[in-house]
Amino acid sequence: MAKNTKEHGFHFEMEDLERIQSLEKKAPWILRITEHKDKPSPVLIVKERYYPEDNHRQTNPSATNRKTRDRGLLYGQPLRRCLPVIRQILSSVCDEAGTPLELHRFLGNGQITFRGNLPLDHATGPKLSLIFKLSERVLDMDRVELIAWRVARFTAEEANYWLTRSTQYGAAGSRWALAGMRIMLGGQPGDKSIQTMLEKLRKSF
């Protein structure tokens, strides 16, 4: 019989947690919820699993061949503003059978007490990575939230395309791509239409 345990602010069955942990070990993307001594807790880090260059041509490389690389982090006020969006994105993650993992439970609606890794797929990983990267150096929290909601509406193909544009064209190219996307998705600072569009998107989800 499943053991019902209360931990991290919500109820779950131990079998569910063990299943999520087993999926995390082979997931293409990971959301790590952790702490950094120089940043307000918690800190969310998106990590991508990849095969090192010397292994990428193997026909059946094992999971142990893969490494992880950071693809963005979020904390503090931007995290608080983006939390409803992140929860919405996480709610779409399913296992191979199409059963929802309900990962949004780990983030709660208020204080986030869970520390650990959650599995992401090829759609949710790039979306969170884009949100985390685009929120950097944006002072207007309305723009940060607006960007997040608009990225959440991306298809998996769109998210992967824009993430590639912002990570694989050199330092200058990546910087220009992110700057352009901030305007494309969040408008210019001080634009009065930002609040109107933000309220509309909040109601549509």
C-alpha atoms as a PDB file:
ATOM      1  CA  MET A   1       0.000   0.000   0.000  1.00  0.00           C
ATOM      2  CA  ALA A   2       1.233   3.494  -0.812  1.00  0.00           C
ATOM      3  CA  LYS A   3       2.418   5.510   2.108  1.00  0.00           C
ATOM      4  CA  ASN A   4       0.865   8.979   2.257  1.00  0.00           C
ATOM      5  CA  THR A   5       3.416  11.435   3.587  1.00  0.00           C
ATOM      6  CA  LYS A   6       3.313  15.178   4.206  1.00  0.00           C
ATOM      7  CA  GLU A   7       6.515  16.869   3.137  1.00  0.00           C
ATOM      8  CA  HIS A   8       7.521  20.179   1.533  1.00  0.00           C
ATOM      9  CA  GLY A   9       4.085  21.689   2.196  1.00  0.00           C
ATOM     10  CA  PHE A  10       1.925  19.156   0.333  1.00  0.00           C
ATOM     11  CA  HIS A  11       0.769  15.552   0.500  1.00  0.00           C
ATOM     12  CA  PHE A  12       2.182  12.912  -1.817  1.00  0.00           C
ATOM     13  CA  GLU A  13       2.568   9.159  -1.998  1.00  0.00           C
ATOM     14  CA  MET A  14       6.091   7.829  -1.615  1.00  0.00           C
ATOM     15  CA  GLU A  15       5.719   5.851  -4.838  1.00  0.00           C
ATOM     16  CA  ASP A  16       4.986   9.095  -6.695  1.00  0.00           C
ATOM     17  CA  LEU A  17       8.113  10.775  -5.349  1.00  0.00           C
ATOM     18  CA  GLU A  18      10.258   7.735  -6.155  1.00  0.00           C
ATOM     19  CA  ARG A  19       8.833   7.683  -9.697  1.00  0.00           C
ATOM     20  CA  ILE A  20       9.654  11.359 -10.177  1.00  0.00           C
ATOM     21  CA  GLN A  21      13.188  10.832  -8.876  1.00  0.00           C
ATOM     22  CA  SER A  22      13.720   7.909 -11.263  1.00  0.00           C
ATOM     23  CA  LEU A  23      12.472  10.002 -14.201  1.00  0.00           C
ATOM     24  CA  GLU A  24      14.789  12.855 -13.244  1.00  0.00           C
ATOM     25  CA  LYS A  25      17.831  10.626 -13.734  1.00  0.00           C
ATOM     26  CA  LYS A  26      17.124  10.270 -17.461  1.00  0.00           C
ATOM     27  CA  ALA A  27      15.211  13.468 -18.215  1.00  0.00           C
ATOM     28  CA  PRO A  28      16.680  15.695 -20.975  1.00  0.00           C
ATOM     29  CA  TRP A  29      16.213  18.770 -18.782  1.00  0.00           C
ATOM     30  CA  ILE A  30      16.217  19.306 -15.007  1.00  0.00           C
ATOM     31  CA  LEU A  31      14.830  21.993 -12.736  1.00  0.00           C
ATOM     32  CA  ARG A  32      17.006  22.224  -9.629  1.00  0.00           C
ATOM     33  CA  ILE A  33      15.535  23.968  -6.599  1.00  0.00           C
ATOM     34  CA  THR A  34      18.393  24.862  -4.304  1.00  0.00           C
ATOM     35  CA  GLU A  35      20.083  27.582  -2.244  1.00  0.00           C
ATOM     36  CA  HIS A  36      23.036  29.902  -2.856  1.00  0.00           C
ATOM     37  CA  LYS A  37      24.655  31.710   0.025  1.00  0.00           C
ATOM     38  CA  ASP A  38      24.878  34.957  -1.950  1.00  0.00           C
ATOM     39  CA  LYS A  39      21.279  34.904  -3.260  1.00  0.00           C
ATOM     40  CA  PRO A  40      17.832  34.894  -1.615  1.00  0.00           C
ATOM     41  CA  SER A  41      16.378  31.409  -1.313  1.00  0.00           C
ATOM     42  CA  PRO A  42      15.242  29.472  -3.138  1.00  0.00           C
ATOM     43  CA  VAL A  43      17.226  29.573  -6.354  1.00  0.00           C
ATOM     44  CA  LEU A  44      15.807  27.795  -9.396  1.00  0.00           C
ATOM     45  CA  ILE A  45      18.328  26.525 -11.939  1.00  0.00           C
ATOM     46  CA  VAL A  46      17.488  24.990 -15.307  1.00  0.00           C
ATOM     47  CA  LYS A  47      19.996  22.381 -16.451  1.00  0.00           C
ATOM     48  CA  GLU A  48      20.242  20.669 -19.825  1.00  0.00           C
ATOM     49  CA  ARG A  49      21.623  17.174 -20.245  1.00  0.00           C
ATOM     50  CA  TYR A  50      23.918  16.673 -23.222  1.00  0.00           C
ATOM     51  CA  TYR A  51      26.402  14.215 -24.615  1.00  0.00           C
ATOM     52  CA  PRO A  52      30.052  15.303 -24.593  1.00  0.00           C
ATOM     53  CA  GLU A  53      31.526  15.900 -28.024  1.00  0.00           C
ATOM     54  CA  ASP A  54      33.521  12.679 -27.979  1.00  0.00           C
ATOM     55  CA  ASN A  55      30.380  10.609 -27.337  1.00  0.00           C
ATOM     56  CA  HIS A  56      27.787  12.264 -29.563  1.00  0.00           C
ATOM     57  CA  ARG A  57      28.346   9.852 -32.472  1.00  0.00           C
ATOM     58  CA  GLN A  58      27.793   6.716 -30.435  1.00  0.00           C
ATOM     59  CA  THR A  59      24.796   4.700 -31.612  1.00  0.00           C
ATOM     60  CA  ASN A  60      23.430   3.909 -28.155  1.00  0.00           C
ATOM     61  CA  PRO A  61      25.229   6.079 -25.599  1.00  0.00           C
ATOM     62  CA  SER A  62      24.188   5.290 -22.056  1.00  0.00           C
ATOM     63  CA  ALA A  63      22.806   7.841 -19.642  1.00  0.00           C
ATOM     64  CA  THR A  64      26.126   7.834 -17.812  1.00  0.00           C
ATOM     65  CA  ASN A  65      27.739   9.478 -20.852  1.00  0.00           C
ATOM     66  CA  ARG A  66      25.675  12.606 -20.369  1.00  0.00           C
ATOM     67  CA  LYS A  67      26.649  15.724 -18.515  1.00  0.00           C
ATOM     68  CA  THR A  68      24.622  18.751 -17.463  1.00  0.00           C
ATOM     69  CA  ARG A  69      25.063  22.447 -18.141  1.00  0.00           C
ATOM     70  CA  ASP A  70      23.300  25.414 -16.603  1.00  0.00           C
ATOM     71  CA  ARG A  71      20.787  27.129 -18.867  1.00  0.00           C
ATOM     72  CA  GLY A  72      19.514  29.885 -16.568  1.00  0.00           C
ATOM     73  CA  LEU A  73      18.603  30.675 -12.987  1.00  0.00           C
ATOM     74  CA  LEU A  74      15.867  32.629 -11.247  1.00  0.00           C
ATOM     75  CA  TYR A  75      15.443  33.915  -7.703  1.00  0.00           C
ATOM     76  CA  GLY A  76      14.153  36.803  -5.633  1.00  0.00           C
ATOM     77  CA  GLN A  77      11.500  39.173  -6.940  1.00  0.00           C
ATOM     78  CA  PRO A  78      11.515  37.867 -10.547  1.00  0.00           C
ATOM     79  CA  LEU A  79      10.851  34.371  -9.187  1.00  0.00           C
ATOM     80  CA  ARG A  80       7.932  35.599  -7.107  1.00  0.00           C
ATOM     81  CA  ARG A  81       6.385  37.344 -10.121  1.00  0.00           C
ATOM     82  CA  CYS A  82       6.952  34.374 -12.437  1.00  0.00           C
ATOM     83  CA  LEU A  83       5.861  31.677  -9.991  1.00  0.00           C
ATOM     84  CA  PRO A  84       2.279  31.313 -11.367  1.00  0.00           C
ATOM     85  CA  VAL A  85       3.727  30.948 -14.871  1.00  0.00           C
ATOM     86  CA  ILE A  86       6.326  28.397 -13.779  1.00  0.00           C
ATOM     87  CA  ARG A  87       3.660  26.383 -11.956  1.00  0.00           C
ATOM     88  CA  GLN A  88       1.527  26.434 -15.113  1.00  0.00           C
ATOM     89  CA  ILE A  89       4.431  25.182 -17.235  1.00  0.00           C
ATOM     90  CA  LEU A  90       5.344  22.433 -14.757  1.00  0.00           C
ATOM     91  CA  SER A  91       1.749  21.190 -14.647  1.00  0.00           C
ATOM     92  CA  SER A  92       2.106  20.029 -18.272  1.00  0.00           C
ATOM     93  CA  VAL A  93       5.000  17.612 -17.617  1.00  0.00           C
ATOM     94  CA  CYS A  94       3.953  13.970 -18.021  1.00  0.00           C
ATOM     95  CA  ASP A  95       5.636  10.584 -17.866  1.00  0.00           C
ATOM     96  CA  GLU A  96       6.087   8.359 -20.927  1.00  0.00           C
ATOM     97  CA  ALA A  97       2.544   7.034 -20.548  1.00  0.00           C
ATOM     98  CA  GLY A  98       1.115  10.550 -20.623  1.00  0.00           C
ATOM     99  CA  THR A  99       0.292  10.649 -16.916  1.00  0.00           C
ATOM    100  CA  PRO A 100       0.740  14.145 -15.425  1.00  0.00           C
ATOM    101  CA  LEU A 101       3.492  14.298 -12.805  1.00  0.00           C
ATOM    102  CA  GLU A 102       1.885  17.317 -11.090  1.00  0.00           C
ATOM    103  CA  LEU A 103       5.289  18.899 -10.549  1.00  0.00           C
ATOM    104  CA  HIS A 104       3.678  22.252  -9.787  1.00  0.00           C
ATOM    105  CA  ARG A 105       2.922  20.902  -6.301  1.00  0.00           C
ATOM    106  CA  PHE A 106       6.601  21.177  -5.417  1.00  0.00           C
ATOM    107  CA  LEU A 107       6.481  24.953  -5.850  1.00  0.00           C
ATOM    108  CA  GLY A 108       3.350  25.553  -3.808  1.00  0.00           C
ATOM    109  CA  ASN A 109       1.526  28.864  -3.902  1.00  0.00           C
ATOM    110  CA  GLY A 110       3.679  30.617  -1.342  1.00  0.00           C
ATOM    111  CA  GLN A 111       6.874  29.541   0.360  1.00  0.00           C
ATOM    112  CA  ILE A 112       8.922  26.980  -1.571  1.00  0.00           C
ATOM    113  CA  THR A 113      10.426  24.533   0.901  1.00  0.00           C
ATOM    114  CA  PHE A 114      11.303  21.688  -1.483  1.00  0.00           C
ATOM    115  CA  ARG A 115      14.979  21.272  -2.372  1.00  0.00           C
ATOM    116  CA  GLY A 116      15.961  18.867  -5.106  1.00  0.00           C
ATOM    117  CA  ASN A 117      15.661  18.101  -8.822  1.00  0.00           C
ATOM    118  CA  LEU A 118      12.556  17.779 -10.972  1.00  0.00           C
ATOM    119  CA  PRO A 119      12.442  16.214 -14.462  1.00  0.00           C
ATOM    120  CA  LEU A 120      11.616  18.412 -17.455  1.00  0.00           C
ATOM    121  CA  ASP A 121      10.925  17.485 -21.066  1.00  0.00           C
ATOM    122  CA  HIS A 122      11.980  18.959 -24.406  1.00  0.00           C
ATOM    123  CA  ALA A 123       9.249  21.615 -24.220  1.00  0.00           C
ATOM    124  CA  THR A 124       9.296  22.734 -20.594  1.00  0.00           C
ATOM    125  CA  GLY A 125      13.086  22.863 -20.253  1.00  0.00           C
ATOM    126  CA  PRO A 126      13.619  25.382 -23.079  1.00  0.00           C
ATOM    127  CA  LYS A 127      10.642  27.468 -21.955  1.00  0.00           C
ATOM    128  CA  LEU A 128      11.952  27.828 -18.417  1.00  0.00           C
ATOM    129  CA  SER A 129      15.447  28.475 -19.718  1.00  0.00           C
ATOM    130  CA  LEU A 130      14.173  31.331 -21.892  1.00  0.00           C
ATOM    131  CA  ILE A 131      12.158  32.841 -19.042  1.00  0.00           C
ATOM    132  CA  PHE A 132      15.130  32.717 -16.699  1.00  0.00           C
ATOM    133  CA  LYS A 133      17.523  34.204 -19.260  1.00  0.00           C
ATOM    134  CA  LEU A 134      15.149  36.934 -20.436  1.00  0.00           C
ATOM    135  CA  SER A 135      14.406  38.089 -16.880  1.00  0.00           C
ATOM    136  CA  GLU A 136      18.054  39.019 -16.339  1.00  0.00           C
ATOM    137  CA  ARG A 137      18.670  42.776 -16.056  1.00  0.00           C
ATOM    138  CA  VAL A 138      14.971  43.628 -16.486  1.00  0.00           C
ATOM    139  CA  LEU A 139      14.002  45.983 -13.665  1.00  0.00           C
ATOM    140  CA  ASP A 140      10.287  46.307 -14.451  1.00  0.00           C
ATOM    141  CA  MET A 141       8.589  43.269 -12.889  1.00  0.00           C
ATOM    142  CA  ASP A 142       5.519  43.751 -15.092  1.00  0.00           C
ATOM    143  CA  ARG A 143       7.745  43.241 -18.114  1.00  0.00           C
ATOM    144  CA  VAL A 144       9.334  40.179 -16.478  1.00  0.00           C
ATOM    145  CA  GLU A 145       5.940  38.596 -15.865  1.00  0.00           C
ATOM    146  CA  LEU A 146       4.634  39.545 -19.306  1.00  0.00           C
ATOM    147  CA  ILE A 147       7.650  37.928 -20.975  1.00  0.00           C
ATOM    148  CA  ALA A 148       7.099  34.780 -18.901  1.00  0.00           C
ATOM    149  CA  TRP A 149       3.432  34.462 -19.844  1.00  0.00           C
ATOM    150  CA  ARG A 150       4.213  34.949 -23.527  1.00  0.00           C
ATOM    151  CA  VAL A 151       7.017  32.367 -23.478  1.00  0.00           C
ATOM    152  CA  ALA A 152       4.634  29.943 -21.758  1.00  0.00           C
ATOM    153  CA  ARG A 153       2.429  30.142 -24.866  1.00  0.00           C
ATOM    154  CA  PHE A 154       5.264  29.030 -27.152  1.00  0.00           C
ATOM    155  CA  THR A 155       5.084  25.644 -28.791  1.00  0.00           C
ATOM    156  CA  ALA A 156       7.961  23.262 -28.098  1.00  0.00           C
ATOM    157  CA  GLU A 157       9.369  24.046 -31.547  1.00  0.00           C
ATOM    158  CA  GLU A 158       9.238  27.799 -30.939  1.00  0.00           C
ATOM    159  CA  ALA A 159      10.870  27.515 -27.523  1.00  0.00           C
ATOM    160  CA  ASN A 160      13.707  25.383 -28.857  1.00  0.00           C
ATOM    161  CA  TYR A 161      14.229  27.672 -31.849  1.00  0.00           C
ATOM    162  CA  TRP A 162      14.484  30.847 -29.773  1.00  0.00           C
ATOM    163  CA  LEU A 163      16.676  29.179 -27.172  1.00  0.00           C
ATOM    164  CA  THR A 164      19.045  28.100 -29.944  1.00  0.00           C
ATOM    165  CA  ARG A 165      19.115  31.657 -31.292  1.00  0.00           C
ATOM    166  CA  SER A 166      20.064  32.963 -27.865  1.00  0.00           C
ATOM    167  CA  THR A 167      22.744  30.407 -26.988  1.00  0.00           C
ATOM    168  CA  GLN A 168      24.523  29.125 -30.084  1.00  0.00           C
ATOM    169  CA  TYR A 169      25.578  32.187 -32.081  1.00  0.00           C
ATOM    170  CA  GLY A 170      28.450  33.500 -30.018  1.00  0.00           C
ATOM    171  CA  ALA A 171      28.492  35.972 -27.142  1.00  0.00           C
ATOM    172  CA  ALA A 172      27.474  39.013 -29.196  1.00  0.00           C
ATOM    173  CA  GLY A 173      24.816  37.153 -31.179  1.00  0.00           C
ATOM    174  CA  SER A 174      23.298  35.676 -28.038  1.00  0.00           C
ATOM    175  CA  ARG A 175      23.257  39.054 -26.320  1.00  0.00           C
ATOM    176  CA  TRP A 176      21.544  40.707 -29.294  1.00  0.00           C
ATOM    177  CA  ALA A 177      18.989  37.896 -29.560  1.00  0.00           C
ATOM    178  CA  LEU A 178      18.040  38.195 -25.886  1.00  0.00           C
ATOM    179  CA  ALA A 179      17.819  41.991 -26.104  1.00  0.00           C
ATOM    180  CA  GLY A 180      15.535  41.736 -29.139  1.00  0.00           C
ATOM    181  CA  MET A 181      13.337  39.111 -27.501  1.00  0.00           C
ATOM    182  CA  ARG A 182      12.905  41.253 -24.387  1.00  0.00           C
ATOM    183  CA  ILE A 183      11.407  43.994 -26.535  1.00  0.00           C
ATOM    184  CA  MET A 184       9.448  41.602 -28.755  1.00  0.00           C
ATOM    185  CA  LEU A 185       7.837  39.853 -25.787  1.00  0.00           C
ATOM    186  CA  GLY A 186       7.852  42.532 -23.078  1.00  0.00           C
ATOM    187  CA  GLY A 187       7.696  45.832 -24.928  1.00  0.00           C
ATOM    188  CA  GLN A 188       9.752  48.917 -24.287  1.00  0.00           C
ATOM    189  CA  PRO A 189      10.221  50.115 -20.675  1.00  0.00           C
ATOM    190  CA  GLY A 190       7.448  52.501 -19.737  1.00  0.00           C
ATOM    191  CA  ASP A 191       5.041  51.393 -22.475  1.00  0.00           C
ATOM    192  CA  LYS A 192       1.494  51.848 -21.150  1.00  0.00           C
ATOM    193  CA  SER A 193       0.274  48.809 -23.071  1.00  0.00           C
ATOM    194  CA  ILE A 194       2.347  46.446 -20.928  1.00  0.00           C
ATOM    195  CA  GLN A 195      -0.149  46.396 -18.061  1.00  0.00           C
ATOM    196  CA  THR A 196      -3.114  45.926 -20.400  1.00  0.00           C
ATOM    197  CA  MET A 197      -1.515  42.984 -22.185  1.00  0.00           C
ATOM    198  CA  LEU A 198      -0.362  41.465 -18.898  1.00  0.00           C
ATOM    199  CA  GLU A 199      -3.846  41.532 -17.405  1.00  0.00           C
ATOM    200  CA  LYS A 200      -5.268  39.960 -20.541  1.00  0.00           C
ATOM    201  CA  LEU A 201      -2.759  37.106 -20.462  1.00  0.00           C
ATOM    202  CA  ARG A 202      -3.339  36.427 -16.779  1.00  0.00           C
ATOM    203  CA  LYS A 203      -7.037  35.896 -17.485  1.00  0.00           C
ATOM    204  CA  SER A 204      -6.417  33.637 -20.486  1.00  0.00           C
ATOM    205  CA  PHE A 205      -4.552  30.949 -18.507  1.00  0.00           C
END
